[in-house]
Amino acid sequence: MPSNRPKASPATLSLAGRRAAAVRHHPDRVDEIDRDLAASQLADYARHVAETAPPLADEQVDRIVALLRGGASR
């Protein structure tokens, strides 16, 4: 598994900036932006791993999808 950190996408960088502004000016929007930022960071990392790791077996993909859909207790 790669150990280097993925490069943040433009969308992630934009959300990080929006979050910083929201903390100061719109604290009621921080939770929504945090959720969007977390999803964007996860997508960046998933893209990085998919580009650098060997192909996953179908069962591995299914397990990851289940985790993302809230089935982490399996």
PDB file of N, CA and C in Angstrom:
ATOM      1  N   MET A   1       0.852  -1.176   0.000  1.00  0.00           N
ATOM      2  CA  MET A   1       0.000   0.000   0.000  1.00  0.00           C
ATOM      3  C   MET A   1       0.896   1.237   0.000  1.00  0.00           C
ATOM      4  N   PRO A   2       0.558   2.200  -0.826  1.00  0.00           N
ATOM      5  CA  PRO A   2       1.381   3.405  -0.894  1.00  0.00           C
ATOM      6  C   PRO A   2       1.350   4.178   0.417  1.00  0.00           C
ATOM      7  N   SER A   3       2.486   4.732   0.747  1.00  0.00           N
ATOM      8  CA  SER A   3       2.567   5.472   2.002  1.00  0.00           C
ATOM      9  C   SER A   3       2.532   6.981   1.783  1.00  0.00           C
ATOM     10  N   ASN A   4       2.737   7.417   0.543  1.00  0.00           N
ATOM     11  CA  ASN A   4       2.732   8.860   0.309  1.00  0.00           C
ATOM     12  C   ASN A   4       1.313   9.395   0.262  1.00  0.00           C
ATOM     13  N   ARG A   5       1.177  10.610   0.693  1.00  0.00           N
ATOM     14  CA  ARG A   5      -0.135  11.246   0.787  1.00  0.00           C
ATOM     15  C   ARG A   5      -0.586  11.740  -0.584  1.00  0.00           C
ATOM     16  N   PRO A   6      -1.866  11.549  -0.927  1.00  0.00           N
ATOM     17  CA  PRO A   6      -2.336  12.009  -2.233  1.00  0.00           C
ATOM     18  C   PRO A   6      -2.406  13.528  -2.301  1.00  0.00           C
ATOM     19  N   LYS A   7      -2.278  14.027  -3.502  1.00  0.00           N
ATOM     20  CA  LYS A   7      -2.408  15.462  -3.728  1.00  0.00           C
ATOM     21  C   LYS A   7      -3.878  15.852  -3.600  1.00  0.00           C
ATOM     22  N   ALA A   8      -4.142  16.931  -2.901  1.00  0.00           N
ATOM     23  CA  ALA A   8      -5.518  17.414  -2.748  1.00  0.00           C
ATOM     24  C   ALA A   8      -6.022  17.936  -4.092  1.00  0.00           C
ATOM     25  N   SER A   9      -7.237  17.556  -4.423  1.00  0.00           N
ATOM     26  CA  SER A   9      -7.858  18.009  -5.669  1.00  0.00           C
ATOM     27  C   SER A   9      -8.255  19.484  -5.542  1.00  0.00           C
ATOM     28  N   PRO A  10      -8.499  20.135  -6.669  1.00  0.00           N
ATOM     29  CA  PRO A  10      -8.994  21.516  -6.597  1.00  0.00           C
ATOM     30  C   PRO A  10     -10.288  21.628  -5.788  1.00  0.00           C
ATOM     31  N   ALA A  11     -11.156  20.620  -5.891  1.00  0.00           N
ATOM     32  CA  ALA A  11     -12.409  20.646  -5.123  1.00  0.00           C
ATOM     33  C   ALA A  11     -12.123  20.614  -3.624  1.00  0.00           C
ATOM     34  N   THR A  12     -11.177  19.791  -3.206  1.00  0.00           N
ATOM     35  CA  THR A  12     -10.825  19.704  -1.788  1.00  0.00           C
ATOM     36  C   THR A  12     -10.224  21.014  -1.300  1.00  0.00           C
ATOM     37  N   LEU A  13      -9.353  21.587  -2.089  1.00  0.00           N
ATOM     38  CA  LEU A  13      -8.746  22.866  -1.699  1.00  0.00           C
ATOM     39  C   LEU A  13      -9.802  23.966  -1.590  1.00  0.00           C
ATOM     40  N   SER A  14     -10.746  23.968  -2.509  1.00  0.00           N
ATOM     41  CA  SER A  14     -11.821  24.954  -2.470  1.00  0.00           C
ATOM     42  C   SER A  14     -12.674  24.778  -1.215  1.00  0.00           C
ATOM     43  N   LEU A  15     -13.015  23.527  -0.895  1.00  0.00           N
ATOM     44  CA  LEU A  15     -13.814  23.266   0.305  1.00  0.00           C
ATOM     45  C   LEU A  15     -13.065  23.651   1.572  1.00  0.00           C
ATOM     46  N   ALA A  16     -11.766  23.424   1.602  1.00  0.00           N
ATOM     47  CA  ALA A  16     -10.974  23.819   2.776  1.00  0.00           C
ATOM     48  C   ALA A  16     -11.024  25.336   2.952  1.00  0.00           C
ATOM     49  N   GLY A  17     -10.956  26.063   1.852  1.00  0.00           N
ATOM     50  CA  GLY A  17     -11.073  27.520   1.927  1.00  0.00           C
ATOM     51  C   GLY A  17     -12.457  27.967   2.368  1.00  0.00           C
ATOM     52  N   ARG A  18     -13.485  27.301   1.838  1.00  0.00           N
ATOM     53  CA  ARG A  18     -14.853  27.624   2.247  1.00  0.00           C
ATOM     54  C   ARG A  18     -15.057  27.351   3.727  1.00  0.00           C
ATOM     55  N   ARG A  19     -14.450  26.266   4.222  1.00  0.00           N
ATOM     56  CA  ARG A  19     -14.581  25.932   5.634  1.00  0.00           C
ATOM     57  C   ARG A  19     -13.945  27.013   6.503  1.00  0.00           C
ATOM     58  N   ALA A  20     -12.756  27.465   6.104  1.00  0.00           N
ATOM     59  CA  ALA A  20     -12.078  28.509   6.873  1.00  0.00           C
ATOM     60  C   ALA A  20     -12.929  29.776   6.938  1.00  0.00           C
ATOM     61  N   ALA A  21     -13.536  30.138   5.830  1.00  0.00           N
ATOM     62  CA  ALA A  21     -14.393  31.322   5.815  1.00  0.00           C
ATOM     63  C   ALA A  21     -15.653  31.091   6.650  1.00  0.00           C
ATOM     64  N   ALA A  22     -16.205  29.899   6.571  1.00  0.00           N
ATOM     65  CA  ALA A  22     -17.432  29.602   7.325  1.00  0.00           C
ATOM     66  C   ALA A  22     -17.185  29.637   8.828  1.00  0.00           C
ATOM     67  N   VAL A  23     -16.035  29.164   9.259  1.00  0.00           N
ATOM     68  CA  VAL A  23     -15.725  29.192  10.695  1.00  0.00           C
ATOM     69  C   VAL A  23     -15.806  30.622  11.215  1.00  0.00           C
ATOM     70  N   ARG A  24     -15.341  31.562  10.415  1.00  0.00           N
ATOM     71  CA  ARG A  24     -15.349  32.965  10.843  1.00  0.00           C
ATOM     72  C   ARG A  24     -16.701  33.644  10.668  1.00  0.00           C
ATOM     73  N   HIS A  25     -17.316  33.383   9.528  1.00  0.00           N
ATOM     74  CA  HIS A  25     -18.473  34.199   9.152  1.00  0.00           C
ATOM     75  C   HIS A  25     -19.821  33.478   9.179  1.00  0.00           C
ATOM     76  N   HIS A  26     -19.812  32.152   9.066  1.00  0.00           N
ATOM     77  CA  HIS A  26     -21.062  31.386   9.008  1.00  0.00           C
ATOM     78  C   HIS A  26     -20.916  30.080   9.779  1.00  0.00           C
ATOM     79  N   PRO A  27     -20.731  30.143  11.089  1.00  0.00           N
ATOM     80  CA  PRO A  27     -20.506  28.910  11.860  1.00  0.00           C
ATOM     81  C   PRO A  27     -21.637  27.894  11.726  1.00  0.00           C
ATOM     82  N   ASP A  28     -22.822  28.336  11.360  1.00  0.00           N
ATOM     83  CA  ASP A  28     -23.939  27.412  11.189  1.00  0.00           C
ATOM     84  C   ASP A  28     -23.773  26.522   9.958  1.00  0.00           C
ATOM     85  N   ARG A  29     -22.860  26.849   9.065  1.00  0.00           N
ATOM     86  CA  ARG A  29     -22.633  26.063   7.844  1.00  0.00           C
ATOM     87  C   ARG A  29     -21.441  25.112   7.942  1.00  0.00           C
ATOM     88  N   VAL A  30     -20.708  25.155   9.039  1.00  0.00           N
ATOM     89  CA  VAL A  30     -19.475  24.374   9.156  1.00  0.00           C
ATOM     90  C   VAL A  30     -19.740  22.874   9.072  1.00  0.00           C
ATOM     91  N   ASP A  31     -20.784  22.375   9.716  1.00  0.00           N
ATOM     92  CA  ASP A  31     -21.052  20.936   9.694  1.00  0.00           C
ATOM     93  C   ASP A  31     -21.271  20.421   8.275  1.00  0.00           C
ATOM     94  N   GLU A  32     -22.038  21.143   7.493  1.00  0.00           N
ATOM     95  CA  GLU A  32     -22.295  20.739   6.107  1.00  0.00           C
ATOM     96  C   GLU A  32     -21.005  20.752   5.293  1.00  0.00           C
ATOM     97  N   ILE A  33     -20.215  21.800   5.460  1.00  0.00           N
ATOM     98  CA  ILE A  33     -18.955  21.895   4.720  1.00  0.00           C
ATOM     99  C   ILE A  33     -17.982  20.816   5.187  1.00  0.00           C
ATOM    100  N   ASP A  34     -17.958  20.520   6.483  1.00  0.00           N
ATOM    101  CA  ASP A  34     -17.093  19.443   6.989  1.00  0.00           C
ATOM    102  C   ASP A  34     -17.445  18.110   6.327  1.00  0.00           C
ATOM    103  N   ARG A  35     -18.724  17.843   6.179  1.00  0.00           N
ATOM    104  CA  ARG A  35     -19.158  16.595   5.534  1.00  0.00           C
ATOM    105  C   ARG A  35     -18.686  16.557   4.084  1.00  0.00           C
ATOM    106  N   ASP A  36     -18.870  17.669   3.371  1.00  0.00           N
ATOM    107  CA  ASP A  36     -18.442  17.732   1.981  1.00  0.00           C
ATOM    108  C   ASP A  36     -16.926  17.620   1.857  1.00  0.00           C
ATOM    109  N   LEU A  37     -16.211  18.264   2.780  1.00  0.00           N
ATOM    110  CA  LEU A  37     -14.748  18.205   2.766  1.00  0.00           C
ATOM    111  C   LEU A  37     -14.259  16.792   3.042  1.00  0.00           C
ATOM    112  N   ALA A  38     -14.856  16.111   4.002  1.00  0.00           N
ATOM    113  CA  ALA A  38     -14.463  14.733   4.303  1.00  0.00           C
ATOM    114  C   ALA A  38     -14.697  13.835   3.092  1.00  0.00           C
ATOM    115  N   ALA A  39     -15.815  13.998   2.413  1.00  0.00           N
ATOM    116  CA  ALA A  39     -16.109  13.190   1.228  1.00  0.00           C
ATOM    117  C   ALA A  39     -15.098  13.467   0.119  1.00  0.00           C
ATOM    118  N   SER A  40     -14.735  14.720  -0.048  1.00  0.00           N
ATOM    119  CA  SER A  40     -13.769  15.082  -1.079  1.00  0.00           C
ATOM    120  C   SER A  40     -12.381  14.521  -0.759  1.00  0.00           C
ATOM    121  N   GLN A  41     -11.987  14.590   0.503  1.00  0.00           N
ATOM    122  CA  GLN A  41     -10.693  14.032   0.908  1.00  0.00           C
ATOM    123  C   GLN A  41     -10.674  12.512   0.722  1.00  0.00           C
ATOM    124  N   LEU A  42     -11.768  11.860   1.054  1.00  0.00           N
ATOM    125  CA  LEU A  42     -11.867  10.418   0.872  1.00  0.00           C
ATOM    126  C   LEU A  42     -11.779  10.066  -0.609  1.00  0.00           C
ATOM    127  N   ALA A  43     -12.446  10.830  -1.451  1.00  0.00           N
ATOM    128  CA  ALA A  43     -12.379  10.595  -2.895  1.00  0.00           C
ATOM    129  C   ALA A  43     -10.953  10.791  -3.412  1.00  0.00           C
ATOM    130  N   ASP A  44     -10.260  11.808  -2.913  1.00  0.00           N
ATOM    131  CA  ASP A  44      -8.860  12.028  -3.308  1.00  0.00           C
ATOM    132  C   ASP A  44      -8.007  10.822  -2.951  1.00  0.00           C
ATOM    133  N   TYR A  45      -8.188  10.313  -1.737  1.00  0.00           N
ATOM    134  CA  TYR A  45      -7.385   9.179  -1.297  1.00  0.00           C
ATOM    135  C   TYR A  45      -7.745   7.919  -2.079  1.00  0.00           C
ATOM    136  N   ALA A  46      -9.036   7.692  -2.289  1.00  0.00           N
ATOM    137  CA  ALA A  46      -9.471   6.515  -3.047  1.00  0.00           C
ATOM    138  C   ALA A  46      -8.910   6.556  -4.470  1.00  0.00           C
ATOM    139  N   ARG A  47      -8.933   7.734  -5.077  1.00  0.00           N
ATOM    140  CA  ARG A  47      -8.381   7.894  -6.427  1.00  0.00           C
ATOM    141  C   ARG A  47      -6.890   7.573  -6.420  1.00  0.00           C
ATOM    142  N   HIS A  48      -6.190   8.076  -5.426  1.00  0.00           N
ATOM    143  CA  HIS A  48      -4.752   7.839  -5.310  1.00  0.00           C
ATOM    144  C   HIS A  48      -4.451   6.344  -5.165  1.00  0.00           C
ATOM    145  N   VAL A  49      -5.165   5.677  -4.280  1.00  0.00           N
ATOM    146  CA  VAL A  49      -4.943   4.243  -4.066  1.00  0.00           C
ATOM    147  C   VAL A  49      -5.298   3.460  -5.325  1.00  0.00           C
ATOM    148  N   ALA A  50      -6.408   3.802  -5.969  1.00  0.00           N
ATOM    149  CA  ALA A  50      -6.826   3.089  -7.178  1.00  0.00           C
ATOM    150  C   ALA A  50      -5.787   3.234  -8.290  1.00  0.00           C
ATOM    151  N   GLU A  51      -5.122   4.375  -8.331  1.00  0.00           N
ATOM    152  CA  GLU A  51      -4.114   4.610  -9.368  1.00  0.00           C
ATOM    153  C   GLU A  51      -2.789   3.922  -9.067  1.00  0.00           C
ATOM    154  N   THR A  52      -2.497   3.644  -7.799  1.00  0.00           N
ATOM    155  CA  THR A  52      -1.173   3.137  -7.436  1.00  0.00           C
ATOM    156  C   THR A  52      -1.159   1.703  -6.922  1.00  0.00           C
ATOM    157  N   ALA A  53      -2.280   1.170  -6.497  1.00  0.00           N
ATOM    158  CA  ALA A  53      -2.327  -0.184  -5.931  1.00  0.00           C
ATOM    159  C   ALA A  53      -2.690  -1.194  -7.018  1.00  0.00           C
ATOM    160  N   PRO A  54      -2.383  -2.467  -6.772  1.00  0.00           N
ATOM    161  CA  PRO A  54      -2.836  -3.491  -7.713  1.00  0.00           C
ATOM    162  C   PRO A  54      -4.363  -3.560  -7.722  1.00  0.00           C
ATOM    163  N   PRO A  55      -4.942  -4.100  -8.797  1.00  0.00           N
ATOM    164  CA  PRO A  55      -6.401  -4.197  -8.876  1.00  0.00           C
ATOM    165  C   PRO A  55      -6.980  -4.997  -7.700  1.00  0.00           C
ATOM    166  N   LEU A  56      -8.147  -4.581  -7.228  1.00  0.00           N
ATOM    167  CA  LEU A  56      -8.821  -5.259  -6.122  1.00  0.00           C
ATOM    168  C   LEU A  56      -9.727  -6.367  -6.642  1.00  0.00           C
ATOM    169  N   ALA A  57      -9.889  -7.388  -5.825  1.00  0.00           N
ATOM    170  CA  ALA A  57     -10.843  -8.456  -6.137  1.00  0.00           C
ATOM    171  C   ALA A  57     -12.253  -7.926  -5.908  1.00  0.00           C
ATOM    172  N   ASP A  58     -13.235  -8.538  -6.549  1.00  0.00           N
ATOM    173  CA  ASP A  58     -14.621  -8.100  -6.407  1.00  0.00           C
ATOM    174  C   ASP A  58     -15.063  -8.074  -4.942  1.00  0.00           C
ATOM    175  N   GLU A  59     -14.649  -9.071  -4.168  1.00  0.00           N
ATOM    176  CA  GLU A  59     -15.022  -9.135  -2.750  1.00  0.00           C
ATOM    177  C   GLU A  59     -14.446  -7.948  -1.972  1.00  0.00           C
ATOM    178  N   GLN A  60     -13.252  -7.537  -2.328  1.00  0.00           N
ATOM    179  CA  GLN A  60     -12.631  -6.393  -1.662  1.00  0.00           C
ATOM    180  C   GLN A  60     -13.380  -5.109  -1.995  1.00  0.00           C
ATOM    181  N   VAL A  61     -13.763  -4.962  -3.234  1.00  0.00           N
ATOM    182  CA  VAL A  61     -14.538  -3.791  -3.652  1.00  0.00           C
ATOM    183  C   VAL A  61     -15.880  -3.768  -2.921  1.00  0.00           C
ATOM    184  N   ASP A  62     -16.530  -4.928  -2.846  1.00  0.00           N
ATOM    185  CA  ASP A  62     -17.818  -5.013  -2.146  1.00  0.00           C
ATOM    186  C   ASP A  62     -17.682  -4.610  -0.681  1.00  0.00           C
ATOM    187  N   ARG A  63     -16.603  -5.034  -0.029  1.00  0.00           N
ATOM    188  CA  ARG A  63     -16.391  -4.693   1.379  1.00  0.00           C
ATOM    189  C   ARG A  63     -16.183  -3.187   1.559  1.00  0.00           C
ATOM    190  N   ILE A  64     -15.449  -2.584   0.651  1.00  0.00           N
ATOM    191  CA  ILE A  64     -15.208  -1.138   0.723  1.00  0.00           C
ATOM    192  C   ILE A  64     -16.511  -0.370   0.483  1.00  0.00           C
ATOM    193  N   VAL A  65     -17.289  -0.800  -0.482  1.00  0.00           N
ATOM    194  CA  VAL A  65     -18.582  -0.158  -0.749  1.00  0.00           C
ATOM    195  C   VAL A  65     -19.487  -0.250   0.476  1.00  0.00           C
ATOM    196  N   ALA A  66     -19.497  -1.423   1.114  1.00  0.00           N
ATOM    197  CA  ALA A  66     -20.320  -1.594   2.317  1.00  0.00           C
ATOM    198  C   ALA A  66     -19.874  -0.648   3.417  1.00  0.00           C
ATOM    199  N   LEU A  67     -18.580  -0.452   3.568  1.00  0.00           N
ATOM    200  CA  LEU A  67     -18.078   0.489   4.581  1.00  0.00           C
ATOM    201  C   LEU A  67     -18.557   1.906   4.290  1.00  0.00           C
ATOM    202  N   LEU A  68     -18.492   2.289   3.034  1.00  0.00           N
ATOM    203  CA  LEU A  68     -18.903   3.640   2.668  1.00  0.00           C
ATOM    204  C   LEU A  68     -20.405   3.856   2.806  1.00  0.00           C
ATOM    205  N   ARG A  69     -21.163   2.791   2.699  1.00  0.00           N
ATOM    206  CA  ARG A  69     -22.612   2.906   2.832  1.00  0.00           C
ATOM    207  C   ARG A  69     -23.083   2.726   4.270  1.00  0.00           C
ATOM    208  N   GLY A  70     -22.156   2.579   5.187  1.00  0.00           N
ATOM    209  CA  GLY A  70     -22.530   2.497   6.599  1.00  0.00           C
ATOM    210  C   GLY A  70     -22.585   1.101   7.146  1.00  0.00           C
ATOM    211  N   GLY A  71     -22.072   0.131   6.452  1.00  0.00           N
ATOM    212  CA  GLY A  71     -22.094  -1.245   6.930  1.00  0.00           C
ATOM    213  C   GLY A  71     -20.803  -1.649   7.601  1.00  0.00           C
ATOM    214  N   ALA A  72     -20.178  -0.738   8.304  1.00  0.00           N
ATOM    215  CA  ALA A  72     -18.873  -1.004   8.920  1.00  0.00           C
ATOM    216  C   ALA A  72     -18.939  -2.068   9.988  1.00  0.00           C
ATOM    217  N   SER A  73     -20.114  -2.403  10.477  1.00  0.00           N
ATOM    218  CA  SER A  73     -20.230  -3.379  11.552  1.00  0.00           C
ATOM    219  C   SER A  73     -20.108  -4.806  11.065  1.00  0.00           C
ATOM    220  N   ARG A  74     -20.031  -5.018   9.770  1.00  0.00           N
ATOM    221  CA  ARG A  74     -19.932  -6.373   9.206  1.00  0.00           C
ATOM    222  C   ARG A  74     -18.618  -7.028   9.527  1.00  0.00           C
TER     223      ARG A  74
END
